[in-house]
PDB file of N, CA and C in Angstrom:
ATOM      1  N   MET A   1      69.610 -97.097  39.971  1.00  0.00           N
ATOM      2  CA  MET A   1      70.677 -97.471  39.394  1.00  0.00           C
ATOM      3  C   MET A   1      70.967 -98.721  38.206  1.00  0.00           C
ATOM      4  N   LYS A   2      70.074 -99.744  38.447  1.00  0.00           N
ATOM      5  CA  LYS A   2      69.841-100.638  37.377  1.00  0.00           C
ATOM      6  C   LYS A   2      69.544-100.160  36.096  1.00  0.00           C
ATOM      7  N   LYS A   3      68.654 -98.834  35.971  1.00  0.00           N
ATOM      8  CA  LYS A   3      68.322 -98.124  34.831  1.00  0.00           C
ATOM      9  C   LYS A   3      69.352 -97.768  34.244  1.00  0.00           C
ATOM     10  N   ILE A   4      70.388 -97.111  35.431  1.00  0.00           N
ATOM     11  CA  ILE A   4      71.609 -96.294  34.629  1.00  0.00           C
ATOM     12  C   ILE A   4      72.266 -97.443  33.957  1.00  0.00           C
ATOM     13  N   LEU A   5      72.715 -98.666  34.583  1.00  0.00           N
ATOM     14  CA  LEU A   5      73.412 -99.723  33.732  1.00  0.00           C
ATOM     15  C   LEU A   5      72.854-100.272  32.855  1.00  0.00           C
ATOM     16  N   ILE A   6      71.523-100.282  32.488  1.00  0.00           N
ATOM     17  CA  ILE A   6      71.214-100.750  31.354  1.00  0.00           C
ATOM     18  C   ILE A   6      71.174 -99.872  30.232  1.00  0.00           C
ATOM     19  N   ILE A   7      70.852 -98.365  30.478  1.00  0.00           N
ATOM     20  CA  ILE A   7      70.951 -97.706  29.391  1.00  0.00           C
ATOM     21  C   ILE A   7      72.376 -97.246  28.930  1.00  0.00           C
ATOM     22  N   GLY A   8      73.445 -97.592  29.943  1.00  0.00           N
ATOM     23  CA  GLY A   8      75.043 -97.804  29.385  1.00  0.00           C
ATOM     24  C   GLY A   8      75.374 -98.698  28.712  1.00  0.00           C
ATOM     25  N   GLY A   9      74.780 -99.686  29.177  1.00  0.00           N
ATOM     26  CA  GLY A   9      75.072-101.162  28.476  1.00  0.00           C
ATOM     27  C   GLY A   9      74.617-101.480  26.801  1.00  0.00           C
ATOM     28  N   VAL A  10      73.217-100.188  26.744  1.00  0.00           N
ATOM     29  CA  VAL A  10      72.698-100.382  25.259  1.00  0.00           C
ATOM     30  C   VAL A  10      73.340 -99.119  24.411  1.00  0.00           C
ATOM     31  N   LEU A  11      74.000 -98.125  24.984  1.00  0.00           N
ATOM     32  CA  LEU A  11      74.696 -96.932  24.219  1.00  0.00           C
ATOM     33  C   LEU A  11      76.068 -98.023  23.789  1.00  0.00           C
ATOM     34  N   LEU A  12      76.612 -98.824  24.799  1.00  0.00           N
ATOM     35  CA  LEU A  12      77.913 -99.640  24.600  1.00  0.00           C
ATOM     36  C   LEU A  12      77.605-100.340  23.377  1.00  0.00           C
ATOM     37  N   LEU A  13      76.307-101.192  23.326  1.00  0.00           N
ATOM     38  CA  LEU A  13      75.868-102.278  22.024  1.00  0.00           C
ATOM     39  C   LEU A  13      75.717-101.580  20.784  1.00  0.00           C
ATOM     40  N   ALA A  14      74.944-100.104  20.605  1.00  0.00           N
ATOM     41  CA  ALA A  14      74.963 -99.090  19.886  1.00  0.00           C
ATOM     42  C   ALA A  14      76.404 -98.803  19.117  1.00  0.00           C
ATOM     43  N   LEU A  15      77.147 -98.514  19.868  1.00  0.00           N
ATOM     44  CA  LEU A  15      78.202 -98.073  19.789  1.00  0.00           C
ATOM     45  C   LEU A  15      79.272 -99.154  19.050  1.00  0.00           C
ATOM     46  N   ALA A  16      79.300-100.410  19.188  1.00  0.00           N
ATOM     47  CA  ALA A  16      79.742-101.543  19.133  1.00  0.00           C
ATOM     48  C   ALA A  16      79.346-101.737  17.578  1.00  0.00           C
ATOM     49  N   LEU A  17      78.102-101.667  17.478  1.00  0.00           N
ATOM     50  CA  LEU A  17      77.210-101.577  15.861  1.00  0.00           C
ATOM     51  C   LEU A  17      77.647-100.730  15.188  1.00  0.00           C
ATOM     52  N   VAL A  18      78.040 -99.532  15.456  1.00  0.00           N
ATOM     53  CA  VAL A  18      78.633 -98.459  14.681  1.00  0.00           C
ATOM     54  C   VAL A  18      80.060 -98.660  14.129  1.00  0.00           C
ATOM     55  N   ILE A  19      80.772 -99.086  15.443  1.00  0.00           N
ATOM     56  CA  ILE A  19      82.074 -99.452  15.100  1.00  0.00           C
ATOM     57  C   ILE A  19      82.274-100.752  13.696  1.00  0.00           C
ATOM     58  N   THR A  20      81.592-101.938  14.037  1.00  0.00           N
ATOM     59  CA  THR A  20      81.320-102.477  13.314  1.00  0.00           C
ATOM     60  C   THR A  20      80.889-102.302  11.961  1.00  0.00           C
ATOM     61  N   VAL A  21      80.295-101.654  11.578  1.00  0.00           N
ATOM     62  CA  VAL A  21      80.171-100.837  10.299  1.00  0.00           C
ATOM     63  C   VAL A  21      80.729-100.376  10.161  1.00  0.00           C
ATOM     64  N   MET A  22      81.415 -99.654  10.722  1.00  0.00           N
ATOM     65  CA  MET A  22      82.599 -98.627  10.119  1.00  0.00           C
ATOM     66  C   MET A  22      83.655 -99.472   9.723  1.00  0.00           C
ATOM     67  N   THR A  23      83.939-100.949  10.257  1.00  0.00           N
ATOM     68  CA  THR A  23      85.191-102.044   9.917  1.00  0.00           C
ATOM     69  C   THR A  23      84.865-102.422   8.519  1.00  0.00           C
ATOM     70  N   LEU A  24      83.542-102.827   8.368  1.00  0.00           N
ATOM     71  CA  LEU A  24      82.549-103.517   7.202  1.00  0.00           C
ATOM     72  C   LEU A  24      83.284-102.633   6.248  1.00  0.00           C
ATOM     73  N   SER A  25      83.346-101.308   6.366  1.00  0.00           N
ATOM     74  CA  SER A  25      83.882-100.378   4.965  1.00  0.00           C
ATOM     75  C   SER A  25      85.039-100.420   4.638  1.00  0.00           C
ATOM     76  N   ASP A  26      85.654 -99.690   3.974  1.00  0.00           N
ATOM     77  CA  ASP A  26      87.023 -99.684   3.395  1.00  0.00           C
ATOM     78  C   ASP A  26      87.937 -99.190   4.412  1.00  0.00           C
ATOM     79  N   PRO A  27      88.502-100.153   4.966  1.00  0.00           N
ATOM     80  CA  PRO A  27      89.487 -99.458   6.279  1.00  0.00           C
ATOM     81  C   PRO A  27      90.664 -98.237   6.165  1.00  0.00           C
ATOM     82  N   GLU A  28      90.848 -97.840   4.738  1.00  0.00           N
ATOM     83  CA  GLU A  28      91.617 -96.748   4.422  1.00  0.00           C
ATOM     84  C   GLU A  28      90.248 -95.577   4.881  1.00  0.00           C
ATOM     85  N   GLN A  29      88.966 -95.371   4.837  1.00  0.00           N
ATOM     86  CA  GLN A  29      88.162 -94.350   4.793  1.00  0.00           C
ATOM     87  C   GLN A  29      87.821 -93.993   6.319  1.00  0.00           C
ATOM     88  N   GLU A  30      88.071 -92.716   5.977  1.00  0.00           N
ATOM     89  CA  GLU A  30      88.088 -91.962   8.010  1.00  0.00           C
ATOM     90  C   GLU A  30      86.564 -91.618   7.729  1.00  0.00           C
ATOM     91  N   PRO A  31      85.820 -91.979   9.099  1.00  0.00           N
ATOM     92  CA  PRO A  31      84.664 -91.493   9.103  1.00  0.00           C
ATOM     93  C   PRO A  31      84.497 -89.884   9.150  1.00  0.00           C
ATOM     94  N   LEU A  32      83.504 -89.277   8.456  1.00  0.00           N
ATOM     95  CA  LEU A  32      83.446 -88.023   8.951  1.00  0.00           C
ATOM     96  C   LEU A  32      82.742 -87.609  10.077  1.00  0.00           C
ATOM     97  N   ARG A  33      81.454 -87.959  10.330  1.00  0.00           N
ATOM     98  CA  ARG A  33      80.759 -88.263  11.506  1.00  0.00           C
ATOM     99  C   ARG A  33      79.650 -88.982  11.344  1.00  0.00           C
ATOM    100  N   VAL A  34      79.041 -89.589  12.949  1.00  0.00           N
ATOM    101  CA  VAL A  34      78.352 -90.888  12.951  1.00  0.00           C
ATOM    102  C   VAL A  34      76.937 -90.108  13.875  1.00  0.00           C
ATOM    103  N   TYR A  35      76.040 -90.460  13.113  1.00  0.00           N
ATOM    104  CA  TYR A  35      74.824 -90.101  13.699  1.00  0.00           C
ATOM    105  C   TYR A  35      73.564 -91.031  14.243  1.00  0.00           C
ATOM    106  N   MET A  36      73.050 -90.887  15.122  1.00  0.00           N
ATOM    107  CA  MET A  36      72.262 -91.980  16.063  1.00  0.00           C
ATOM    108  C   MET A  36      70.720 -91.165  16.626  1.00  0.00           C
ATOM    109  N   TRP A  37      69.809 -92.357  16.029  1.00  0.00           N
ATOM    110  CA  TRP A  37      68.785 -91.739  16.900  1.00  0.00           C
ATOM    111  C   TRP A  37      68.338 -92.130  18.320  1.00  0.00           C
ATOM    112  N   ARG A  38      68.724 -91.648  19.306  1.00  0.00           N
ATOM    113  CA  ARG A  38      69.199 -91.320  20.515  1.00  0.00           C
ATOM    114  C   ARG A  38      67.701 -91.936  20.783  1.00  0.00           C
ATOM    115  N   GLU A  39      66.374 -91.376  20.928  1.00  0.00           N
ATOM    116  CA  GLU A  39      65.446 -91.127  21.655  1.00  0.00           C
ATOM    117  C   GLU A  39      64.457 -92.308  21.373  1.00  0.00           C
ATOM    118  N   SER A  40      65.090 -93.763  20.556  1.00  0.00           N
ATOM    119  CA  SER A  40      64.382 -94.933  20.400  1.00  0.00           C
ATOM    120  C   SER A  40      64.526 -95.704  21.199  1.00  0.00           C
ATOM    121  N   ALA A  41      63.941 -95.622  22.607  1.00  0.00           N
ATOM    122  CA  ALA A  41      64.012 -96.538  23.795  1.00  0.00           C
ATOM    123  C   ALA A  41      63.984 -97.938  23.858  1.00  0.00           C
ATOM    124  N   GLU A  42      62.952 -98.253  22.704  1.00  0.00           N
ATOM    125  CA  GLU A  42      62.856 -99.766  22.724  1.00  0.00           C
ATOM    126  C   GLU A  42      63.797-100.635  21.960  1.00  0.00           C
ATOM    127  N   GLU A  43      64.803 -99.714  20.955  1.00  0.00           N
ATOM    128  CA  GLU A  43      65.989-100.463  19.822  1.00  0.00           C
ATOM    129  C   GLU A  43      66.890-100.765  21.194  1.00  0.00           C
ATOM    130  N   VAL A  44      67.696-102.106  21.235  1.00  0.00           N
ATOM    131  CA  VAL A  44      68.759-102.268  21.725  1.00  0.00           C
ATOM    132  C   VAL A  44      69.834-101.572  20.641  1.00  0.00           C
ATOM    133  N   PHE A  45      69.875-101.812  19.741  1.00  0.00           N
ATOM    134  CA  PHE A  45      70.584-101.386  18.458  1.00  0.00           C
ATOM    135  C   PHE A  45      69.964-100.090  17.897  1.00  0.00           C
ATOM    136  N   LYS A  46      70.669 -98.788  18.358  1.00  0.00           N
ATOM    137  CA  LYS A  46      70.185 -97.576  17.859  1.00  0.00           C
ATOM    138  C   LYS A  46      70.512 -97.575  16.024  1.00  0.00           C
ATOM    139  N   PRO A  47      69.149 -96.865  15.622  1.00  0.00           N
ATOM    140  CA  PRO A  47      69.240 -96.764  14.369  1.00  0.00           C
ATOM    141  C   PRO A  47      70.540 -95.608  13.896  1.00  0.00           C
ATOM    142  N   SER A  48      71.469 -95.579  13.177  1.00  0.00           N
ATOM    143  CA  SER A  48      72.454 -94.827  13.177  1.00  0.00           C
ATOM    144  C   SER A  48      73.035 -94.835  11.480  1.00  0.00           C
ATOM    145  N   PHE A  49      74.032 -93.600  11.020  1.00  0.00           N
ATOM    146  CA  PHE A  49      74.544 -93.940   9.806  1.00  0.00           C
ATOM    147  C   PHE A  49      75.684 -93.062  10.070  1.00  0.00           C
ATOM    148  N   VAL A  50      76.805 -93.426   9.251  1.00  0.00           N
ATOM    149  CA  VAL A  50      78.061 -93.010   9.466  1.00  0.00           C
ATOM    150  C   VAL A  50      78.596 -91.877   7.898  1.00  0.00           C
ATOM    151  N   LEU A  51      78.584 -90.989   7.965  1.00  0.00           N
ATOM    152  CA  LEU A  51      79.069 -90.345   6.775  1.00  0.00           C
ATOM    153  C   LEU A  51      80.476 -90.006   6.459  1.00  0.00           C
ATOM    154  N   PHE A  52      81.099 -90.568   5.191  1.00  0.00           N
ATOM    155  CA  PHE A  52      82.477 -90.227   5.207  1.00  0.00           C
ATOM    156  C   PHE A  52      82.575 -89.378   4.211  1.00  0.00           C
ATOM    157  N   ASP A  53      84.236 -89.057   4.335  1.00  0.00           N
ATOM    158  CA  ASP A  53      84.714 -88.024   3.713  1.00  0.00           C
ATOM    159  C   ASP A  53      84.576 -87.745   2.324  1.00  0.00           C
ATOM    160  N   ASP A  54      84.568 -89.087   1.564  1.00  0.00           N
ATOM    161  CA  ASP A  54      84.362 -89.203   0.216  1.00  0.00           C
ATOM    162  C   ASP A  54      83.087 -89.404  -0.324  1.00  0.00           C
ATOM    163  N   GLY A  55      81.769 -88.933   0.532  1.00  0.00           N
ATOM    164  CA  GLY A  55      80.337 -88.876  -0.177  1.00  0.00           C
ATOM    165  C   GLY A  55      79.658 -90.309  -0.078  1.00  0.00           C
ATOM    166  N   THR A  56      80.262 -91.113   0.695  1.00  0.00           N
ATOM    167  CA  THR A  56      79.385 -92.718   1.061  1.00  0.00           C
ATOM    168  C   THR A  56      78.816 -92.214   2.179  1.00  0.00           C
ATOM    169  N   PHE A  57      78.058 -93.431   2.603  1.00  0.00           N
ATOM    170  CA  PHE A  57      77.493 -93.430   3.547  1.00  0.00           C
ATOM    171  C   PHE A  57      77.250 -94.702   4.109  1.00  0.00           C
ATOM    172  N   SER A  58      77.002 -94.900   5.302  1.00  0.00           N
ATOM    173  CA  SER A  58      76.799 -96.736   5.711  1.00  0.00           C
ATOM    174  C   SER A  58      75.682 -96.319   6.736  1.00  0.00           C
ATOM    175  N   MET A  59      74.769 -97.249   6.750  1.00  0.00           N
ATOM    176  CA  MET A  59      73.464 -97.194   7.325  1.00  0.00           C
ATOM    177  C   MET A  59      72.880 -98.327   8.347  1.00  0.00           C
ATOM    178  N   THR A  60      72.676 -98.232   9.577  1.00  0.00           N
ATOM    179  CA  THR A  60      72.053 -99.485   9.810  1.00  0.00           C
ATOM    180  C   THR A  60      70.813 -99.303  11.121  1.00  0.00           C
ATOM    181  N   PHE A  61      69.814 -99.760  10.832  1.00  0.00           N
ATOM    182  CA  PHE A  61      68.657 -99.659  11.190  1.00  0.00           C
ATOM    183  C   PHE A  61      68.023-100.715  12.573  1.00  0.00           C
ATOM    184  N   SER A  62      68.305-101.420  12.379  1.00  0.00           N
ATOM    185  CA  SER A  62      67.658-102.551  13.596  1.00  0.00           C
ATOM    186  C   SER A  62      68.576-103.829  14.118  1.00  0.00           C
ATOM    187  N   GLY A  63      68.825-104.184  15.299  1.00  0.00           N
ATOM    188  CA  GLY A  63      69.298-105.290  15.227  1.00  0.00           C
ATOM    189  C   GLY A  63      68.894-106.610  14.759  1.00  0.00           C
ATOM    190  N   LEU A  64      67.525-106.512  14.497  1.00  0.00           N
ATOM    191  CA  LEU A  64      66.621-107.825  13.847  1.00  0.00           C
ATOM    192  C   LEU A  64      66.856-108.026  12.670  1.00  0.00           C
ATOM    193  N   SER A  65      67.678-107.047  11.728  1.00  0.00           N
ATOM    194  CA  SER A  65      67.998-107.037  10.167  1.00  0.00           C
ATOM    195  C   SER A  65      69.891-106.983  10.095  1.00  0.00           C
ATOM    196  N   SER A  66      69.793-107.610   9.031  1.00  0.00           N
ATOM    197  CA  SER A  66      71.196-107.927   8.855  1.00  0.00           C
ATOM    198  C   SER A  66      71.519-106.847   7.672  1.00  0.00           C
ATOM    199  N   TYR A  67      70.361-106.018   7.001  1.00  0.00           N
ATOM    200  CA  TYR A  67      70.607-105.135   6.012  1.00  0.00           C
ATOM    201  C   TYR A  67      71.347-104.097   6.740  1.00  0.00           C
ATOM    202  N   ILE A  68      72.689-103.369   5.999  1.00  0.00           N
ATOM    203  CA  ILE A  68      73.622-102.206   6.049  1.00  0.00           C
ATOM    204  C   ILE A  68      73.261-101.466   4.688  1.00  0.00           C
ATOM    205  N   GLY A  69      72.483-100.338   5.162  1.00  0.00           N
ATOM    206  CA  GLY A  69      72.438 -99.512   3.813  1.00  0.00           C
ATOM    207  C   GLY A  69      73.638 -98.748   3.239  1.00  0.00           C
ATOM    208  N   ARG A  70      74.080 -98.897   2.190  1.00  0.00           N
ATOM    209  CA  ARG A  70      75.039 -98.394   1.432  1.00  0.00           C
ATOM    210  C   ARG A  70      74.932 -97.565   0.480  1.00  0.00           C
ATOM    211  N   GLY A  71      75.605 -96.345   0.101  1.00  0.00           N
ATOM    212  CA  GLY A  71      75.483 -95.857  -0.937  1.00  0.00           C
ATOM    213  C   GLY A  71      76.618 -94.447  -1.108  1.00  0.00           C
ATOM    214  N   THR A  72      75.515 -93.420  -1.508  1.00  0.00           N
ATOM    215  CA  THR A  72      76.360 -92.107  -1.520  1.00  0.00           C
ATOM    216  C   THR A  72      75.237 -91.081  -0.778  1.00  0.00           C
ATOM    217  N   TYR A  73      75.675 -89.712  -0.259  1.00  0.00           N
ATOM    218  CA  TYR A  73      74.744 -88.851  -0.004  1.00  0.00           C
ATOM    219  C   TYR A  73      75.166 -87.366  -0.179  1.00  0.00           C
ATOM    220  N   ALA A  74      74.325 -86.499  -0.262  1.00  0.00           N
ATOM    221  CA  ALA A  74      74.380 -85.143  -0.882  1.00  0.00           C
ATOM    222  C   ALA A  74      73.557 -84.373  -0.299  1.00  0.00           C
ATOM    223  N   GLU A  75      74.122 -82.939   0.222  1.00  0.00           N
ATOM    224  CA  GLU A  75      72.931 -81.920   0.457  1.00  0.00           C
ATOM    225  C   GLU A  75      72.126 -81.499  -0.400  1.00  0.00           C
ATOM    226  N   GLU A  76      70.937 -81.185  -0.638  1.00  0.00           N
ATOM    227  CA  GLU A  76      70.031 -80.853  -1.367  1.00  0.00           C
ATOM    228  C   GLU A  76      68.883 -80.030  -0.844  1.00  0.00           C
ATOM    229  N   ASP A  77      68.328 -78.846  -1.353  1.00  0.00           N
ATOM    230  CA  ASP A  77      67.471 -77.950  -0.692  1.00  0.00           C
ATOM    231  C   ASP A  77      67.534 -78.279   1.097  1.00  0.00           C
ATOM    232  N   GLY A  78      68.399 -77.642   1.549  1.00  0.00           N
ATOM    233  CA  GLY A  78      68.300 -77.645   2.706  1.00  0.00           C
ATOM    234  C   GLY A  78      68.209 -79.384   3.559  1.00  0.00           C
ATOM    235  N   GLN A  79      68.332 -80.409   2.468  1.00  0.00           N
ATOM    236  CA  GLN A  79      68.136 -81.740   3.447  1.00  0.00           C
ATOM    237  C   GLN A  79      69.341 -82.586   2.939  1.00  0.00           C
ATOM    238  N   LEU A  80      69.475 -83.511   3.689  1.00  0.00           N
ATOM    239  CA  LEU A  80      70.545 -84.637   3.457  1.00  0.00           C
ATOM    240  C   LEU A  80      69.609 -85.820   2.598  1.00  0.00           C
ATOM    241  N   VAL A  81      70.444 -86.281   1.783  1.00  0.00           N
ATOM    242  CA  VAL A  81      69.516 -87.247   1.012  1.00  0.00           C
ATOM    243  C   VAL A  81      70.806 -88.459   1.177  1.00  0.00           C
ATOM    244  N   LEU A  82      70.369 -89.590   1.559  1.00  0.00           N
ATOM    245  CA  LEU A  82      71.269 -90.667   1.348  1.00  0.00           C
ATOM    246  C   LEU A  82      70.225 -91.870   0.388  1.00  0.00           C
ATOM    247  N   ARG A  83      71.283 -92.456  -0.584  1.00  0.00           N
ATOM    248  CA  ARG A  83      70.731 -92.923  -1.957  1.00  0.00           C
ATOM    249  C   ARG A  83      71.664 -94.140  -1.765  1.00  0.00           C
ATOM    250  N   THR A  84      70.795 -95.207  -1.611  1.00  0.00           N
ATOM    251  CA  THR A  84      71.481 -96.507  -1.240  1.00  0.00           C
ATOM    252  C   THR A  84      72.250 -97.071  -3.132  1.00  0.00           C
ATOM    253  N   ASP A  85      73.451 -97.936  -3.187  1.00  0.00           N
ATOM    254  CA  ASP A  85      73.686 -98.031  -3.948  1.00  0.00           C
ATOM    255  C   ASP A  85      72.867 -98.836  -5.063  1.00  0.00           C
ATOM    256  N   ASP A  86      72.277 -99.586  -4.557  1.00  0.00           N
ATOM    257  CA  ASP A  86      71.067-100.667  -5.349  1.00  0.00           C
ATOM    258  C   ASP A  86      70.243 -99.787  -6.302  1.00  0.00           C
ATOM    259  N   GLY A  87      70.173 -98.342  -5.516  1.00  0.00           N
ATOM    260  CA  GLY A  87      69.150 -97.562  -5.952  1.00  0.00           C
ATOM    261  C   GLY A  87      67.655 -97.951  -5.738  1.00  0.00           C
ATOM    262  N   ASP A  88      67.821 -98.531  -4.816  1.00  0.00           N
ATOM    263  CA  ASP A  88      66.110 -99.182  -4.373  1.00  0.00           C
ATOM    264  C   ASP A  88      65.805 -98.190  -3.266  1.00  0.00           C
ATOM    265  N   PHE A  89      66.394 -97.598  -2.391  1.00  0.00           N
ATOM    266  CA  PHE A  89      66.143 -96.734  -1.428  1.00  0.00           C
ATOM    267  C   PHE A  89      66.680 -95.550  -1.049  1.00  0.00           C
ATOM    268  N   THR A  90      65.767 -94.272  -0.537  1.00  0.00           N
ATOM    269  CA  THR A  90      66.243 -93.077  -0.322  1.00  0.00           C
ATOM    270  C   THR A  90      66.003 -92.642   0.289  1.00  0.00           C
ATOM    271  N   TYR A  91      66.643 -92.010   1.385  1.00  0.00           N
ATOM    272  CA  TYR A  91      66.174 -91.605   2.869  1.00  0.00           C
ATOM    273  C   TYR A  91      66.439 -90.378   3.206  1.00  0.00           C
ATOM    274  N   TYR A  92      65.469 -89.144   3.716  1.00  0.00           N
ATOM    275  CA  TYR A  92      65.828 -87.662   3.460  1.00  0.00           C
ATOM    276  C   TYR A  92      65.781 -87.231   4.617  1.00  0.00           C
ATOM    277  N   PHE A  93      66.577 -86.346   5.103  1.00  0.00           N
ATOM    278  CA  PHE A  93      66.764 -85.731   6.514  1.00  0.00           C
ATOM    279  C   PHE A  93      66.790 -84.145   6.395  1.00  0.00           C
ATOM    280  N   ASP A  94      66.117 -83.592   7.180  1.00  0.00           N
ATOM    281  CA  ASP A  94      66.077 -81.759   7.622  1.00  0.00           C
ATOM    282  C   ASP A  94      67.394 -81.564   8.019  1.00  0.00           C
ATOM    283  N   ILE A  95      68.238 -80.962   7.627  1.00  0.00           N
ATOM    284  CA  ILE A  95      69.527 -80.299   8.575  1.00  0.00           C
ATOM    285  C   ILE A  95      69.313 -79.098   9.173  1.00  0.00           C
ATOM    286  N   VAL A  96      69.087 -79.585  10.595  1.00  0.00           N
ATOM    287  CA  VAL A  96      68.667 -78.930  11.466  1.00  0.00           C
ATOM    288  C   VAL A  96      70.067 -78.512  12.682  1.00  0.00           C
ATOM    289  N   ASP A  97      70.883 -77.400  12.349  1.00  0.00           N
ATOM    290  CA  ASP A  97      72.234 -77.156  13.205  1.00  0.00           C
ATOM    291  C   ASP A  97      73.088 -78.416  12.581  1.00  0.00           C
ATOM    292  N   ASP A  98      72.960 -78.532  14.022  1.00  0.00           N
ATOM    293  CA  ASP A  98      74.357 -79.998  13.732  1.00  0.00           C
ATOM    294  C   ASP A  98      73.855 -81.405  13.711  1.00  0.00           C
ATOM    295  N   THR A  99      72.474 -81.086  13.665  1.00  0.00           N
ATOM    296  CA  THR A  99      71.427 -82.570  13.754  1.00  0.00           C
ATOM    297  C   THR A  99      70.911 -83.306  12.351  1.00  0.00           C
ATOM    298  N   TYR A 100      70.420 -84.068  12.033  1.00  0.00           N
ATOM    299  CA  TYR A 100      69.177 -84.337  10.919  1.00  0.00           C
ATOM    300  C   TYR A 100      68.461 -85.063  11.625  1.00  0.00           C
ATOM    301  N   VAL A 101      66.948 -84.647  11.246  1.00  0.00           N
ATOM    302  CA  VAL A 101      65.699 -84.590  11.596  1.00  0.00           C
ATOM    303  C   VAL A 101      65.128 -85.516  10.094  1.00  0.00           C
ATOM    304  N   PHE A 102      64.626 -86.690  10.479  1.00  0.00           N
ATOM    305  CA  PHE A 102      63.966 -87.631   9.240  1.00  0.00           C
ATOM    306  C   PHE A 102      62.970 -87.256   8.831  1.00  0.00           C
ATOM    307  N   ASP A 103      62.772 -87.386   7.590  1.00  0.00           N
ATOM    308  CA  ASP A 103      61.661 -86.852   6.650  1.00  0.00           C
ATOM    309  C   ASP A 103      60.982 -88.312   6.068  1.00  0.00           C
ATOM    310  N   ALA A 104      59.764 -88.996   7.132  1.00  0.00           N
ATOM    311  CA  ALA A 104      59.245 -89.936   6.605  1.00  0.00           C
ATOM    312  C   ALA A 104      58.486 -89.995   5.401  1.00  0.00           C
ATOM    313  N   GLU A 105      57.958 -88.779   5.279  1.00  0.00           N
ATOM    314  CA  GLU A 105      56.922 -88.881   4.039  1.00  0.00           C
ATOM    315  C   GLU A 105      57.590 -88.681   2.701  1.00  0.00           C
ATOM    316  N   LYS A 106      59.034 -88.133   2.581  1.00  0.00           N
ATOM    317  CA  LYS A 106      59.592 -87.783   1.467  1.00  0.00           C
ATOM    318  C   LYS A 106      60.910 -89.446   1.546  1.00  0.00           C
ATOM    319  N   SER A 107      61.048 -90.486   2.084  1.00  0.00           N
ATOM    320  CA  SER A 107      61.936 -91.224   2.548  1.00  0.00           C
ATOM    321  C   SER A 107      60.957 -92.431   1.957  1.00  0.00           C
ATOM    322  N   SER A 108      62.055 -93.539   1.548  1.00  0.00           N
ATOM    323  CA  SER A 108      61.521 -95.026   1.350  1.00  0.00           C
ATOM    324  C   SER A 108      60.872 -95.450   2.883  1.00  0.00           C
ATOM    325  N   ASP A 109      59.963 -96.201   2.188  1.00  0.00           N
ATOM    326  CA  ASP A 109      58.957 -96.405   3.416  1.00  0.00           C
ATOM    327  C   ASP A 109      60.036 -97.768   4.302  1.00  0.00           C
ATOM    328  N   TYR A 110      60.532 -98.396   3.673  1.00  0.00           N
ATOM    329  CA  TYR A 110      61.298 -99.538   4.444  1.00  0.00           C
ATOM    330  C   TYR A 110      62.365 -99.368   5.308  1.00  0.00           C
ATOM    331  N   THR A 111      62.219 -99.447   6.425  1.00  0.00           N
ATOM    332  CA  THR A 111      63.238 -99.212   7.540  1.00  0.00           C
ATOM    333  C   THR A 111      63.858-100.297   8.283  1.00  0.00           C
ATOM    334  N   TRP A 112      63.763-101.375   7.882  1.00  0.00           N
ATOM    335  CA  TRP A 112      64.222-102.845   8.571  1.00  0.00           C
ATOM    336  C   TRP A 112      63.746-102.955   9.883  1.00  0.00           C
ATOM    337  N   TYR A 113      62.814-103.052  10.428  1.00  0.00           N
ATOM    338  CA  TYR A 113      62.132-103.181  11.756  1.00  0.00           C
ATOM    339  C   TYR A 113      62.610-101.749  12.456  1.00  0.00           C
ATOM    340  N   ALA A 114      63.089-101.035  12.130  1.00  0.00           N
ATOM    341  CA  ALA A 114      63.160 -99.799  13.224  1.00  0.00           C
ATOM    342  C   ALA A 114      62.202 -99.049  13.324  1.00  0.00           C
ATOM    343  N   ASP A 115      61.119 -98.777  12.764  1.00  0.00           N
ATOM    344  CA  ASP A 115      60.091 -98.134  12.994  1.00  0.00           C
ATOM    345  C   ASP A 115      60.460 -96.693  12.999  1.00  0.00           C
ATOM    346  N   ILE A 116      61.152 -95.967  12.310  1.00  0.00           N
ATOM    347  CA  ILE A 116      61.797 -94.560  12.782  1.00  0.00           C
ATOM    348  C   ILE A 116      60.696 -93.448  12.234  1.00  0.00           C
ATOM    349  N   PRO A 117      60.182 -92.725  13.525  1.00  0.00           N
ATOM    350  CA  PRO A 117      58.957 -91.916  12.931  1.00  0.00           C
ATOM    351  C   PRO A 117      59.392 -90.602  12.393  1.00  0.00           C
ATOM    352  N   ASP A 118      58.519 -89.974  11.571  1.00  0.00           N
ATOM    353  CA  ASP A 118      58.857 -88.882  11.096  1.00  0.00           C
ATOM    354  C   ASP A 118      59.113 -87.601  12.303  1.00  0.00           C
ATOM    355  N   GLY A 119      60.087 -87.256  12.180  1.00  0.00           N
ATOM    356  CA  GLY A 119      60.878 -86.047  12.885  1.00  0.00           C
ATOM    357  C   GLY A 119      61.920 -86.818  13.905  1.00  0.00           C
ATOM    358  N   ALA A 120      61.844 -87.739  13.551  1.00  0.00           N
ATOM    359  CA  ALA A 120      62.925 -88.479  14.568  1.00  0.00           C
ATOM    360  C   ALA A 120      64.379 -87.767  14.591  1.00  0.00           C
ATOM    361  N   VAL A 121      65.040 -87.052  15.504  1.00  0.00           N
ATOM    362  CA  VAL A 121      66.290 -86.551  15.586  1.00  0.00           C
ATOM    363  C   VAL A 121      67.568 -87.046  15.504  1.00  0.00           C
ATOM    364  N   PHE A 122      68.334 -87.263  14.660  1.00  0.00           N
ATOM    365  CA  PHE A 122      69.787 -88.055  14.654  1.00  0.00           C
ATOM    366  C   PHE A 122      70.857 -87.212  15.018  1.00  0.00           C
ATOM    367  N   HIS A 123      71.502 -87.183  15.938  1.00  0.00           N
ATOM    368  CA  HIS A 123      72.460 -86.651  17.119  1.00  0.00           C
ATOM    369  C   HIS A 123      73.678 -87.007  16.222  1.00  0.00           C
TER     370      HIS A 123
END
């Protein structure tokens, strides 16, 4: 029972973080979808990203970091590509049905303490 309560609490914290990220964005902007790496058992705040209708994204990596990645996204050659506005970071995800699978080999190395492995599935 304690494990279920802890998991529920962690998911609520992750949802609160996603909502916070969404409110930091343009309040007029409606999110298209929110994707989260749920298999990250050790992360209290799950790595997640929000795709907006206008072609922009917002991504949080870890509760240990204040960095929130923002930029534009596009579908290219069967992949979702997230590029930060500062031009420093790019993250690639293979499009598999209605999920995105992280391509660590093509992506920027830095993930702000999240330790997202190659093949991590964002639901």
